[in-house]
Amino acid sequence: MIPHPEIPIATLRPNDILLLLFLGTTYELASRLLSTLLKSKSSHEKTLRTELHALKYEVVIMRNKGPSAFVETSKLERAVLKKESELEKLEEEKKVRVTTFIKFQKNTSYGLSLLVFVLYYGVPLLVIDGMRIPDFLSETTEEEADVCTDVEKAERFFKAWLFPISYIGLGRKLSSLGLEQKGSSIGALIVYWSGQVTTGKIMECLEALAWR
């Protein structure tokens, strides 16, 4: 294991953290799988595409026979147009389903995030203990050591620990609303979103490997 200093934790809620990670992971996994299922080709669509390719091949053969096969060529061309029309209709229906699902997924994601925020409002899942942080770990100079409070030490340690996440993103600020120690604690939304983001990145990697 990589050597690292002990993380001075004052408060930790492991059960809530596991629950929120599970919720975020399950939601993201279900969303990705349903989205993939809706975007995939149905058996009917695959059959239509196979029949369309076969008809186009027959059209090419008939055209090579010249004017003597004009009637047969015309029938096959009409059959090709009919198959193409059916295929376009299926694709339009699939686009509508995918668009509807994306809107539903977006609204559901906002709703779950709001539910997590309300249920865990003001409840930190992890809090850094500033009293247990040595001056050198909180980047405190000797001149600052006498005036730097434990809260300031905890905030400096937390920012360094989560760098660069602690400096960027509106989500970090939203998740800390209602927390007493905003600069040195983690809210429920961060944990929930972490489960979502991690699962999403893993699924993207698996999809990229599947297309290779």
N, C-alpha and C. Protein backbone atom coordinates (compact mmCIF):
# COMPACT_ATOMS: atom_id res chain seq x y z
N MET A 1 0.84 -1.20 0.00
CA MET A 1 0.00 0.00 0.00
C MET A 1 0.87 1.26 0.00
N ILE A 2 0.34 2.33 -0.60
CA ILE A 2 1.08 3.59 -0.63
C ILE A 2 1.06 4.21 0.76
N PRO A 3 2.24 4.55 1.32
CA PRO A 3 2.26 5.16 2.65
C PRO A 3 1.61 6.54 2.63
N HIS A 4 0.83 6.82 3.65
CA HIS A 4 0.18 8.13 3.75
C HIS A 4 -0.12 8.41 5.20
N PRO A 5 -0.20 9.68 5.58
CA PRO A 5 -0.51 10.02 6.97
C PRO A 5 -1.93 9.62 7.33
N GLU A 6 -2.15 9.38 8.59
CA GLU A 6 -3.49 9.02 9.06
C GLU A 6 -4.45 10.18 8.86
N ILE A 7 -5.64 9.85 8.37
CA ILE A 7 -6.66 10.88 8.18
C ILE A 7 -7.41 11.08 9.49
N PRO A 8 -7.30 12.25 10.08
CA PRO A 8 -7.94 12.50 11.39
C PRO A 8 -9.44 12.72 11.23
N ILE A 9 -10.21 11.71 11.47
CA ILE A 9 -11.66 11.78 11.30
C ILE A 9 -12.35 11.97 12.65
N ALA A 10 -13.20 12.98 12.71
CA ALA A 10 -13.96 13.24 13.93
C ALA A 10 -15.32 12.54 13.89
N THR A 11 -15.96 12.54 12.71
CA THR A 11 -17.28 11.93 12.54
C THR A 11 -17.29 11.11 11.26
N LEU A 12 -17.85 9.91 11.34
CA LEU A 12 -17.95 9.05 10.17
C LEU A 12 -19.23 8.22 10.27
N ARG A 13 -20.00 8.23 9.18
CA ARG A 13 -21.25 7.46 9.12
C ARG A 13 -21.13 6.40 8.02
N PRO A 14 -20.50 5.28 8.30
CA PRO A 14 -20.24 4.28 7.24
C PRO A 14 -21.50 3.67 6.65
N ASN A 15 -22.52 3.44 7.48
CA ASN A 15 -23.76 2.83 6.95
C ASN A 15 -24.46 3.75 5.95
N ASP A 16 -24.51 5.05 6.28
CA ASP A 16 -25.13 6.01 5.36
C ASP A 16 -24.31 6.15 4.09
N ILE A 17 -22.99 6.12 4.22
CA ILE A 17 -22.12 6.22 3.05
C ILE A 17 -22.34 5.04 2.12
N LEU A 18 -22.38 3.83 2.68
CA LEU A 18 -22.62 2.63 1.87
C LEU A 18 -24.00 2.66 1.21
N LEU A 19 -25.00 3.14 1.95
CA LEU A 19 -26.36 3.23 1.41
C LEU A 19 -26.41 4.18 0.22
N LEU A 20 -25.80 5.35 0.35
CA LEU A 20 -25.83 6.35 -0.71
C LEU A 20 -25.00 5.91 -1.92
N LEU A 21 -23.87 5.25 -1.66
CA LEU A 21 -23.08 4.71 -2.77
C LEU A 21 -23.87 3.65 -3.52
N PHE A 22 -24.56 2.80 -2.77
CA PHE A 22 -25.39 1.76 -3.40
C PHE A 22 -26.51 2.39 -4.21
N LEU A 23 -27.16 3.42 -3.67
CA LEU A 23 -28.26 4.09 -4.37
C LEU A 23 -27.76 4.73 -5.66
N GLY A 24 -26.64 5.47 -5.58
CA GLY A 24 -26.10 6.12 -6.76
C GLY A 24 -25.65 5.12 -7.81
N THR A 25 -24.99 4.04 -7.36
CA THR A 25 -24.50 3.02 -8.28
C THR A 25 -25.66 2.30 -8.96
N THR A 26 -26.66 1.91 -8.18
CA THR A 26 -27.81 1.18 -8.73
C THR A 26 -28.58 2.02 -9.72
N TYR A 27 -28.80 3.29 -9.39
CA TYR A 27 -29.54 4.17 -10.30
C TYR A 27 -28.79 4.35 -11.62
N GLU A 28 -27.49 4.61 -11.53
CA GLU A 28 -26.70 4.84 -12.75
C GLU A 28 -26.63 3.58 -13.60
N LEU A 29 -26.45 2.44 -12.94
CA LEU A 29 -26.37 1.18 -13.66
C LEU A 29 -27.68 0.87 -14.37
N ALA A 30 -28.80 1.05 -13.66
CA ALA A 30 -30.11 0.78 -14.26
C ALA A 30 -30.38 1.74 -15.42
N SER A 31 -30.01 3.00 -15.26
CA SER A 31 -30.22 3.99 -16.32
C SER A 31 -29.42 3.65 -17.56
N ARG A 32 -28.15 3.28 -17.36
CA ARG A 32 -27.29 2.94 -18.50
C ARG A 32 -27.80 1.70 -19.24
N LEU A 33 -28.20 0.70 -18.48
CA LEU A 33 -28.68 -0.54 -19.10
C LEU A 33 -29.97 -0.31 -19.87
N LEU A 34 -30.89 0.46 -19.29
CA LEU A 34 -32.15 0.75 -19.98
C LEU A 34 -31.91 1.59 -21.24
N SER A 35 -30.99 2.55 -21.14
CA SER A 35 -30.67 3.38 -22.29
C SER A 35 -30.06 2.55 -23.41
N THR A 36 -29.16 1.64 -23.05
CA THR A 36 -28.55 0.76 -24.05
C THR A 36 -29.60 -0.15 -24.69
N LEU A 37 -30.52 -0.64 -23.87
CA LEU A 37 -31.58 -1.52 -24.38
C LEU A 37 -32.49 -0.78 -25.36
N LEU A 38 -32.83 0.47 -25.04
CA LEU A 38 -33.72 1.24 -25.91
C LEU A 38 -33.03 1.61 -27.23
N LYS A 39 -31.71 1.84 -27.17
CA LYS A 39 -30.98 2.24 -28.37
C LYS A 39 -30.60 1.06 -29.26
N SER A 40 -30.63 -0.14 -28.70
CA SER A 40 -30.24 -1.32 -29.47
C SER A 40 -31.31 -1.68 -30.50
N LYS A 41 -30.92 -2.45 -31.51
CA LYS A 41 -31.84 -2.85 -32.57
C LYS A 41 -32.71 -4.00 -32.10
N SER A 42 -34.00 -3.90 -32.38
CA SER A 42 -34.92 -4.98 -32.03
C SER A 42 -34.78 -6.10 -33.05
N SER A 43 -35.36 -7.26 -32.72
CA SER A 43 -35.30 -8.40 -33.64
C SER A 43 -36.03 -8.09 -34.95
N HIS A 44 -37.14 -7.33 -34.84
CA HIS A 44 -37.89 -6.95 -36.04
C HIS A 44 -37.06 -6.03 -36.94
N GLU A 45 -36.35 -5.09 -36.31
CA GLU A 45 -35.50 -4.18 -37.09
C GLU A 45 -34.36 -4.93 -37.77
N LYS A 46 -33.77 -5.87 -37.05
CA LYS A 46 -32.69 -6.67 -37.66
C LYS A 46 -33.20 -7.48 -38.84
N THR A 47 -34.42 -8.04 -38.70
CA THR A 47 -35.01 -8.80 -39.79
C THR A 47 -35.27 -7.92 -41.01
N LEU A 48 -35.79 -6.70 -40.76
CA LEU A 48 -36.06 -5.78 -41.86
C LEU A 48 -34.77 -5.41 -42.60
N ARG A 49 -33.72 -5.15 -41.83
CA ARG A 49 -32.44 -4.78 -42.45
C ARG A 49 -31.89 -5.94 -43.29
N THR A 50 -32.03 -7.15 -42.79
CA THR A 50 -31.56 -8.31 -43.55
C THR A 50 -32.34 -8.47 -44.84
N GLU A 51 -33.67 -8.33 -44.74
CA GLU A 51 -34.52 -8.44 -45.94
C GLU A 51 -34.22 -7.31 -46.93
N LEU A 52 -33.96 -6.11 -46.40
CA LEU A 52 -33.67 -4.97 -47.27
C LEU A 52 -32.37 -5.18 -48.05
N HIS A 53 -31.34 -5.67 -47.36
CA HIS A 53 -30.07 -5.95 -48.04
C HIS A 53 -30.25 -7.02 -49.13
N ALA A 54 -31.05 -8.04 -48.82
CA ALA A 54 -31.29 -9.11 -49.80
C ALA A 54 -32.03 -8.57 -51.02
N LEU A 55 -33.03 -7.71 -50.79
CA LEU A 55 -33.78 -7.13 -51.91
C LEU A 55 -32.90 -6.22 -52.77
N LYS A 56 -32.07 -5.44 -52.14
CA LYS A 56 -31.17 -4.56 -52.89
C LYS A 56 -30.20 -5.38 -53.75
N TYR A 57 -29.76 -6.49 -53.20
CA TYR A 57 -28.87 -7.37 -53.97
C TYR A 57 -29.59 -7.93 -55.20
N GLU A 58 -30.86 -8.31 -55.01
CA GLU A 58 -31.64 -8.85 -56.13
C GLU A 58 -31.90 -7.77 -57.18
N VAL A 59 -32.11 -6.53 -56.74
CA VAL A 59 -32.31 -5.42 -57.67
C VAL A 59 -31.08 -5.23 -58.56
N VAL A 60 -29.91 -5.30 -57.96
CA VAL A 60 -28.67 -5.15 -58.74
C VAL A 60 -28.55 -6.26 -59.79
N ILE A 61 -28.90 -7.48 -59.40
CA ILE A 61 -28.83 -8.61 -60.35
C ILE A 61 -29.80 -8.41 -61.51
N MET A 62 -31.04 -7.98 -61.18
CA MET A 62 -32.04 -7.78 -62.22
C MET A 62 -31.67 -6.65 -63.16
N ARG A 63 -31.09 -5.58 -62.62
CA ARG A 63 -30.69 -4.46 -63.47
C ARG A 63 -29.60 -4.88 -64.45
N ASN A 64 -28.74 -5.77 -64.01
CA ASN A 64 -27.67 -6.26 -64.89
C ASN A 64 -28.22 -7.08 -66.07
N LYS A 65 -29.44 -7.59 -65.91
CA LYS A 65 -30.04 -8.39 -67.00
C LYS A 65 -30.59 -7.52 -68.12
N GLY A 66 -30.72 -6.20 -67.84
CA GLY A 66 -31.16 -5.29 -68.89
C GLY A 66 -32.66 -5.13 -68.97
N PRO A 67 -33.17 -4.56 -70.08
CA PRO A 67 -34.61 -4.26 -70.26
C PRO A 67 -35.52 -5.48 -70.16
N SER A 68 -35.00 -6.65 -70.44
CA SER A 68 -35.84 -7.85 -70.41
C SER A 68 -36.38 -8.15 -69.01
N ALA A 69 -35.71 -7.64 -67.99
CA ALA A 69 -36.14 -7.89 -66.60
C ALA A 69 -36.71 -6.63 -65.96
N PHE A 70 -37.28 -5.76 -66.84
CA PHE A 70 -37.78 -4.47 -66.34
C PHE A 70 -38.91 -4.64 -65.32
N VAL A 71 -39.86 -5.53 -65.61
CA VAL A 71 -41.02 -5.72 -64.72
C VAL A 71 -40.56 -6.25 -63.35
N GLU A 72 -39.73 -7.27 -63.37
CA GLU A 72 -39.24 -7.85 -62.11
C GLU A 72 -38.43 -6.82 -61.31
N THR A 73 -37.63 -6.01 -62.05
CA THR A 73 -36.82 -4.98 -61.37
C THR A 73 -37.71 -3.94 -60.70
N SER A 74 -38.78 -3.54 -61.41
CA SER A 74 -39.71 -2.55 -60.83
C SER A 74 -40.38 -3.07 -59.57
N LYS A 75 -40.78 -4.35 -59.58
CA LYS A 75 -41.41 -4.94 -58.39
C LYS A 75 -40.44 -4.96 -57.21
N LEU A 76 -39.21 -5.33 -57.50
CA LEU A 76 -38.21 -5.38 -56.43
C LEU A 76 -37.89 -3.99 -55.90
N GLU A 77 -37.85 -2.99 -56.78
CA GLU A 77 -37.59 -1.62 -56.33
C GLU A 77 -38.72 -1.11 -55.45
N ARG A 78 -39.97 -1.44 -55.80
CA ARG A 78 -41.09 -1.04 -54.94
C ARG A 78 -41.01 -1.74 -53.59
N ALA A 79 -40.59 -3.00 -53.59
CA ALA A 79 -40.43 -3.74 -52.33
C ALA A 79 -39.33 -3.11 -51.47
N VAL A 80 -38.26 -2.64 -52.14
CA VAL A 80 -37.17 -1.97 -51.41
C VAL A 80 -37.68 -0.68 -50.76
N LEU A 81 -38.44 0.10 -51.51
CA LEU A 81 -38.99 1.35 -50.97
C LEU A 81 -39.91 1.09 -49.77
N LYS A 82 -40.70 0.03 -49.88
CA LYS A 82 -41.60 -0.33 -48.78
C LYS A 82 -40.82 -0.71 -47.53
N LYS A 83 -39.77 -1.52 -47.70
CA LYS A 83 -38.94 -1.93 -46.56
C LYS A 83 -38.23 -0.72 -45.95
N GLU A 84 -37.74 0.17 -46.79
CA GLU A 84 -37.06 1.37 -46.29
C GLU A 84 -38.02 2.25 -45.51
N SER A 85 -39.27 2.34 -45.98
CA SER A 85 -40.28 3.12 -45.26
C SER A 85 -40.57 2.51 -43.88
N GLU A 86 -40.70 1.20 -43.83
CA GLU A 86 -40.94 0.51 -42.55
C GLU A 86 -39.76 0.71 -41.60
N LEU A 87 -38.55 0.66 -42.16
CA LEU A 87 -37.35 0.83 -41.34
C LEU A 87 -37.25 2.25 -40.79
N GLU A 88 -37.56 3.23 -41.61
CA GLU A 88 -37.55 4.63 -41.15
C GLU A 88 -38.57 4.86 -40.05
N LYS A 89 -39.74 4.23 -40.18
CA LYS A 89 -40.78 4.35 -39.16
C LYS A 89 -40.30 3.77 -37.83
N LEU A 90 -39.65 2.61 -37.88
CA LEU A 90 -39.12 2.00 -36.67
C LEU A 90 -38.05 2.88 -36.01
N GLU A 91 -37.19 3.48 -36.83
CA GLU A 91 -36.13 4.33 -36.30
C GLU A 91 -36.70 5.59 -35.65
N GLU A 92 -37.76 6.15 -36.25
CA GLU A 92 -38.41 7.34 -35.67
C GLU A 92 -39.05 6.98 -34.33
N GLU A 93 -39.71 5.83 -34.28
CA GLU A 93 -40.32 5.40 -33.02
C GLU A 93 -39.27 5.19 -31.94
N LYS A 94 -38.12 4.64 -32.34
CA LYS A 94 -37.04 4.42 -31.37
C LYS A 94 -36.48 5.75 -30.87
N LYS A 95 -36.34 6.73 -31.75
CA LYS A 95 -35.86 8.05 -31.35
C LYS A 95 -36.79 8.69 -30.34
N VAL A 96 -38.10 8.54 -30.57
CA VAL A 96 -39.09 9.10 -29.64
C VAL A 96 -38.97 8.44 -28.27
N ARG A 97 -38.83 7.11 -28.26
CA ARG A 97 -38.69 6.39 -26.99
C ARG A 97 -37.42 6.81 -26.25
N VAL A 98 -36.32 6.95 -26.97
CA VAL A 98 -35.06 7.35 -26.35
C VAL A 98 -35.15 8.76 -25.79
N THR A 99 -35.76 9.68 -26.56
CA THR A 99 -35.92 11.06 -26.10
C THR A 99 -36.79 11.13 -24.85
N THR A 100 -37.88 10.38 -24.84
CA THR A 100 -38.77 10.34 -23.67
C THR A 100 -38.04 9.79 -22.45
N PHE A 101 -37.24 8.75 -22.66
CA PHE A 101 -36.51 8.14 -21.55
C PHE A 101 -35.46 9.10 -21.00
N ILE A 102 -34.78 9.83 -21.88
CA ILE A 102 -33.76 10.78 -21.43
C ILE A 102 -34.38 11.87 -20.55
N LYS A 103 -35.56 12.36 -20.94
CA LYS A 103 -36.25 13.37 -20.13
C LYS A 103 -36.66 12.78 -18.79
N PHE A 104 -37.19 11.56 -18.81
CA PHE A 104 -37.59 10.88 -17.58
C PHE A 104 -36.38 10.65 -16.67
N GLN A 105 -35.27 10.23 -17.27
CA GLN A 105 -34.05 9.98 -16.50
C GLN A 105 -33.54 11.27 -15.86
N LYS A 106 -33.57 12.35 -16.61
CA LYS A 106 -33.10 13.64 -16.09
C LYS A 106 -33.95 14.10 -14.91
N ASN A 107 -35.28 14.00 -15.05
CA ASN A 107 -36.19 14.42 -13.97
C ASN A 107 -36.04 13.52 -12.75
N THR A 108 -35.87 12.22 -12.99
CA THR A 108 -35.69 11.29 -11.88
C THR A 108 -34.39 11.57 -11.14
N SER A 109 -33.33 11.88 -11.89
CA SER A 109 -32.04 12.18 -11.27
C SER A 109 -32.14 13.41 -10.38
N TYR A 110 -32.81 14.46 -10.88
CA TYR A 110 -33.01 15.66 -10.07
C TYR A 110 -33.84 15.35 -8.83
N GLY A 111 -34.87 14.52 -9.01
CA GLY A 111 -35.72 14.18 -7.88
C GLY A 111 -34.99 13.41 -6.80
N LEU A 112 -34.17 12.44 -7.19
CA LEU A 112 -33.41 11.67 -6.21
C LEU A 112 -32.38 12.53 -5.51
N SER A 113 -31.74 13.42 -6.25
CA SER A 113 -30.75 14.32 -5.64
C SER A 113 -31.43 15.24 -4.62
N LEU A 114 -32.61 15.73 -4.98
CA LEU A 114 -33.36 16.59 -4.05
C LEU A 114 -33.78 15.80 -2.81
N LEU A 115 -34.21 14.55 -3.01
CA LEU A 115 -34.61 13.71 -1.88
C LEU A 115 -33.44 13.46 -0.93
N VAL A 116 -32.27 13.15 -1.49
CA VAL A 116 -31.07 12.94 -0.67
C VAL A 116 -30.71 14.21 0.08
N PHE A 117 -30.79 15.34 -0.61
CA PHE A 117 -30.45 16.63 0.01
C PHE A 117 -31.37 16.93 1.19
N VAL A 118 -32.68 16.69 1.01
CA VAL A 118 -33.65 16.98 2.07
C VAL A 118 -33.47 16.03 3.25
N LEU A 119 -33.32 14.73 2.97
CA LEU A 119 -33.20 13.75 4.04
C LEU A 119 -31.92 13.92 4.87
N TYR A 120 -30.86 14.36 4.20
CA TYR A 120 -29.56 14.49 4.90
C TYR A 120 -29.15 15.95 5.07
N TYR A 121 -30.12 16.84 5.06
CA TYR A 121 -29.79 18.26 5.20
C TYR A 121 -29.15 18.53 6.57
N GLY A 122 -27.97 19.12 6.53
CA GLY A 122 -27.26 19.46 7.76
C GLY A 122 -26.57 18.29 8.44
N VAL A 123 -26.58 17.11 7.79
CA VAL A 123 -25.95 15.92 8.39
C VAL A 123 -24.65 15.61 7.65
N PRO A 124 -23.50 15.81 8.29
CA PRO A 124 -22.23 15.47 7.64
C PRO A 124 -21.96 13.97 7.74
N LEU A 125 -21.48 13.39 6.65
CA LEU A 125 -21.15 11.96 6.68
C LEU A 125 -19.70 11.72 7.07
N LEU A 126 -18.89 12.75 6.93
CA LEU A 126 -17.49 12.66 7.35
C LEU A 126 -17.02 14.06 7.73
N VAL A 127 -16.37 14.15 8.89
CA VAL A 127 -15.86 15.43 9.39
C VAL A 127 -14.40 15.25 9.80
N ILE A 128 -13.55 16.16 9.36
CA ILE A 128 -12.13 16.14 9.72
C ILE A 128 -11.95 16.77 11.09
N ASP A 129 -11.11 16.14 11.92
CA ASP A 129 -10.82 16.62 13.27
C ASP A 129 -9.56 17.49 13.23
N GLY A 130 -9.74 18.80 13.37
CA GLY A 130 -8.61 19.71 13.30
C GLY A 130 -7.66 19.60 14.47
N MET A 131 -8.14 19.13 15.62
CA MET A 131 -7.29 19.02 16.81
C MET A 131 -6.20 17.97 16.64
N ARG A 132 -6.41 16.99 15.77
CA ARG A 132 -5.46 15.90 15.59
C ARG A 132 -4.53 16.11 14.40
N ILE A 133 -4.58 17.29 13.80
CA ILE A 133 -3.76 17.56 12.63
C ILE A 133 -2.49 18.29 13.03
N PRO A 134 -1.31 17.72 12.78
CA PRO A 134 -0.06 18.44 13.03
C PRO A 134 0.06 19.65 12.12
N ASP A 135 0.81 20.63 12.53
CA ASP A 135 0.93 21.87 11.76
C ASP A 135 1.48 21.63 10.36
N PHE A 136 2.42 20.69 10.20
CA PHE A 136 3.03 20.50 8.89
C PHE A 136 2.07 19.86 7.89
N LEU A 137 1.04 19.13 8.38
CA LEU A 137 0.06 18.52 7.48
C LEU A 137 -1.00 19.51 7.04
N SER A 138 -1.23 20.54 7.81
CA SER A 138 -2.22 21.55 7.45
C SER A 138 -1.58 22.73 6.72
N GLU A 139 -0.30 22.58 6.35
CA GLU A 139 0.44 23.62 5.64
C GLU A 139 0.47 24.91 6.42
N THR A 140 0.61 24.79 7.72
CA THR A 140 0.66 25.95 8.61
C THR A 140 2.10 26.27 8.95
N THR A 141 2.51 27.50 8.76
CA THR A 141 3.87 27.91 9.09
C THR A 141 4.00 28.11 10.60
N GLU A 142 5.22 28.26 11.05
CA GLU A 142 5.45 28.44 12.48
C GLU A 142 4.80 29.73 12.97
N GLU A 143 4.81 30.77 12.13
CA GLU A 143 4.20 32.04 12.54
C GLU A 143 2.69 31.92 12.65
N GLU A 144 2.10 31.06 11.78
CA GLU A 144 0.65 30.90 11.79
C GLU A 144 0.17 29.91 12.83
N ALA A 145 1.05 29.07 13.32
CA ALA A 145 0.65 27.98 14.22
C ALA A 145 -0.02 28.49 15.49
N ASP A 146 0.45 29.63 15.98
CA ASP A 146 -0.09 30.14 17.24
C ASP A 146 -1.48 30.75 17.09
N VAL A 147 -1.82 31.18 15.86
CA VAL A 147 -3.10 31.86 15.66
C VAL A 147 -4.07 31.02 14.84
N CYS A 148 -3.60 29.96 14.22
CA CYS A 148 -4.45 29.12 13.37
C CYS A 148 -5.34 28.23 14.25
N THR A 149 -6.64 28.31 14.06
CA THR A 149 -7.57 27.51 14.87
C THR A 149 -7.66 26.09 14.34
N ASP A 150 -8.27 25.22 15.13
CA ASP A 150 -8.45 23.82 14.71
C ASP A 150 -9.35 23.72 13.47
N VAL A 151 -10.33 24.61 13.40
CA VAL A 151 -11.23 24.61 12.25
C VAL A 151 -10.47 24.96 10.98
N GLU A 152 -9.60 25.95 11.06
CA GLU A 152 -8.80 26.35 9.90
C GLU A 152 -7.84 25.24 9.49
N LYS A 153 -7.27 24.55 10.47
CA LYS A 153 -6.39 23.41 10.16
C LYS A 153 -7.17 22.32 9.42
N ALA A 154 -8.38 22.04 9.92
CA ALA A 154 -9.20 21.00 9.30
C ALA A 154 -9.56 21.38 7.86
N GLU A 155 -9.89 22.65 7.65
CA GLU A 155 -10.25 23.10 6.31
C GLU A 155 -9.07 23.00 5.35
N ARG A 156 -7.87 23.38 5.80
CA ARG A 156 -6.69 23.30 4.95
C ARG A 156 -6.34 21.84 4.62
N PHE A 157 -6.45 20.99 5.61
CA PHE A 157 -6.17 19.57 5.38
C PHE A 157 -7.19 18.98 4.40
N PHE A 158 -8.46 19.36 4.56
CA PHE A 158 -9.53 18.83 3.71
C PHE A 158 -9.33 19.26 2.26
N LYS A 159 -8.97 20.52 2.05
CA LYS A 159 -8.73 21.02 0.69
C LYS A 159 -7.57 20.30 0.03
N ALA A 160 -6.51 20.06 0.79
CA ALA A 160 -5.35 19.36 0.24
C ALA A 160 -5.68 17.89 -0.03
N TRP A 161 -6.49 17.30 0.83
CA TRP A 161 -6.86 15.89 0.70
C TRP A 161 -7.72 15.64 -0.53
N LEU A 162 -8.66 16.55 -0.80
CA LEU A 162 -9.57 16.38 -1.93
C LEU A 162 -9.18 17.22 -3.15
N PHE A 163 -7.97 17.73 -3.17
CA PHE A 163 -7.53 18.54 -4.32
C PHE A 163 -7.59 17.71 -5.60
N PRO A 164 -8.09 18.22 -6.75
CA PRO A 164 -8.62 19.58 -6.94
C PRO A 164 -10.13 19.69 -6.77
N ILE A 165 -10.77 18.59 -6.32
CA ILE A 165 -12.24 18.60 -6.19
C ILE A 165 -12.70 19.68 -5.21
N SER A 166 -11.89 19.93 -4.19
CA SER A 166 -12.28 20.89 -3.17
C SER A 166 -12.30 22.33 -3.68
N TYR A 167 -11.71 22.56 -4.87
CA TYR A 167 -11.63 23.92 -5.40
C TYR A 167 -12.56 24.16 -6.59
N ILE A 168 -13.13 23.12 -7.16
CA ILE A 168 -13.92 23.29 -8.38
C ILE A 168 -15.31 22.67 -8.21
N GLY A 169 -16.21 23.09 -9.07
CA GLY A 169 -17.51 22.44 -9.14
C GLY A 169 -18.57 23.07 -8.25
N LEU A 170 -19.74 23.31 -8.85
CA LEU A 170 -20.88 23.83 -8.10
C LEU A 170 -21.45 22.76 -7.17
N GLY A 171 -21.30 21.48 -7.56
CA GLY A 171 -21.83 20.39 -6.75
C GLY A 171 -21.24 20.36 -5.35
N ARG A 172 -19.96 20.66 -5.25
CA ARG A 172 -19.30 20.67 -3.93
C ARG A 172 -19.94 21.72 -3.03
N LYS A 173 -20.26 22.88 -3.59
CA LYS A 173 -20.88 23.94 -2.79
C LYS A 173 -22.32 23.58 -2.43
N LEU A 174 -23.04 22.98 -3.37
CA LEU A 174 -24.43 22.59 -3.09
C LEU A 174 -24.50 21.53 -2.00
N SER A 175 -23.58 20.57 -2.06
CA SER A 175 -23.61 19.47 -1.10
C SER A 175 -23.27 19.91 0.31
N SER A 176 -22.59 21.06 0.44
CA SER A 176 -22.19 21.52 1.77
C SER A 176 -23.22 22.46 2.41
N LEU A 177 -24.31 22.75 1.69
CA LEU A 177 -25.35 23.61 2.26
C LEU A 177 -25.96 22.96 3.50
N GLY A 178 -26.06 23.73 4.55
CA GLY A 178 -26.64 23.22 5.79
C GLY A 178 -25.64 22.59 6.73
N LEU A 179 -24.43 22.32 6.26
CA LEU A 179 -23.43 21.71 7.13
C LEU A 179 -22.79 22.76 8.03
N GLU A 180 -22.54 22.39 9.26
CA GLU A 180 -21.95 23.34 10.20
C GLU A 180 -20.50 23.66 9.83
N GLN A 181 -19.74 22.63 9.47
CA GLN A 181 -18.34 22.81 9.07
C GLN A 181 -18.22 22.55 7.56
N LYS A 182 -18.58 23.54 6.78
CA LYS A 182 -18.63 23.38 5.33
C LYS A 182 -17.27 23.06 4.72
N GLY A 183 -16.22 23.66 5.28
CA GLY A 183 -14.90 23.51 4.68
C GLY A 183 -14.16 22.25 5.06
N SER A 184 -14.69 21.47 5.98
CA SER A 184 -13.95 20.28 6.44
C SER A 184 -14.85 19.06 6.62
N SER A 185 -15.93 19.00 5.87
CA SER A 185 -16.85 17.86 5.98
C SER A 185 -17.43 17.51 4.62
N ILE A 186 -17.95 16.31 4.53
CA ILE A 186 -18.55 15.82 3.28
C ILE A 186 -20.04 15.59 3.50
N GLY A 187 -20.85 16.12 2.56
CA GLY A 187 -22.28 15.95 2.63
C GLY A 187 -22.76 14.72 1.88
N ALA A 188 -24.04 14.43 1.98
CA ALA A 188 -24.60 13.22 1.39
C ALA A 188 -24.58 13.25 -0.14
N LEU A 189 -24.79 14.44 -0.71
CA LEU A 189 -24.85 14.52 -2.17
C LEU A 189 -23.53 14.14 -2.83
N ILE A 190 -22.42 14.51 -2.20
CA ILE A 190 -21.11 14.16 -2.75
C ILE A 190 -20.96 12.64 -2.83
N VAL A 191 -21.38 11.95 -1.79
CA VAL A 191 -21.28 10.49 -1.75
C VAL A 191 -22.20 9.87 -2.79
N TYR A 192 -23.43 10.37 -2.87
CA TYR A 192 -24.40 9.85 -3.84
C TYR A 192 -23.92 10.06 -5.27
N TRP A 193 -23.44 11.27 -5.56
CA TRP A 193 -22.94 11.57 -6.90
C TRP A 193 -21.67 10.77 -7.22
N SER A 194 -20.86 10.49 -6.21
CA SER A 194 -19.65 9.70 -6.44
C SER A 194 -19.99 8.31 -6.94
N GLY A 195 -21.03 7.71 -6.35
CA GLY A 195 -21.47 6.41 -6.82
C GLY A 195 -21.94 6.46 -8.26
N GLN A 196 -22.66 7.52 -8.62
CA GLN A 196 -23.14 7.68 -9.99
C GLN A 196 -21.99 7.87 -10.98
N VAL A 197 -21.10 8.80 -10.66
CA VAL A 197 -20.00 9.13 -11.59
C VAL A 197 -19.07 7.94 -11.79
N THR A 198 -18.72 7.27 -10.70
CA THR A 198 -17.81 6.12 -10.81
C THR A 198 -18.42 5.02 -11.66
N THR A 199 -19.69 4.71 -11.42
CA THR A 199 -20.37 3.68 -12.21
C THR A 199 -20.48 4.10 -13.67
N GLY A 200 -20.77 5.38 -13.91
CA GLY A 200 -20.86 5.87 -15.28
C GLY A 200 -19.56 5.73 -16.04
N LYS A 201 -18.43 6.07 -15.39
CA LYS A 201 -17.13 5.96 -16.04
C LYS A 201 -16.77 4.49 -16.33
N ILE A 202 -17.10 3.61 -15.39
CA ILE A 202 -16.84 2.18 -15.62
C ILE A 202 -17.66 1.66 -16.80
N MET A 203 -18.94 2.07 -16.87
CA MET A 203 -19.79 1.64 -17.97
C MET A 203 -19.27 2.18 -19.31
N GLU A 204 -18.78 3.41 -19.32
CA GLU A 204 -18.22 3.98 -20.55
C GLU A 204 -17.00 3.20 -21.02
N CYS A 205 -16.16 2.79 -20.08
CA CYS A 205 -14.98 1.99 -20.43
C CYS A 205 -15.40 0.63 -21.00
N LEU A 206 -16.40 0.00 -20.38
CA LEU A 206 -16.87 -1.29 -20.87
C LEU A 206 -17.49 -1.15 -22.26
N GLU A 207 -18.23 -0.07 -22.48
CA GLU A 207 -18.83 0.14 -23.81
C GLU A 207 -17.76 0.38 -24.86
N ALA A 208 -16.70 1.13 -24.49
CA ALA A 208 -15.61 1.37 -25.43
C ALA A 208 -14.89 0.07 -25.78
N LEU A 209 -14.70 -0.79 -24.78
CA LEU A 209 -14.05 -2.07 -25.04
C LEU A 209 -14.92 -2.98 -25.90
N ALA A 210 -16.24 -2.89 -25.70
CA ALA A 210 -17.15 -3.74 -26.47
C ALA A 210 -17.16 -3.37 -27.95
N TRP A 211 -16.88 -2.08 -28.27
CA TRP A 211 -16.90 -1.64 -29.66
C TRP A 211 -15.57 -1.84 -30.36
N ARG A 212 -14.55 -2.30 -29.64
CA ARG A 212 -13.23 -2.47 -30.25
C ARG A 212 -13.21 -3.70 -31.18
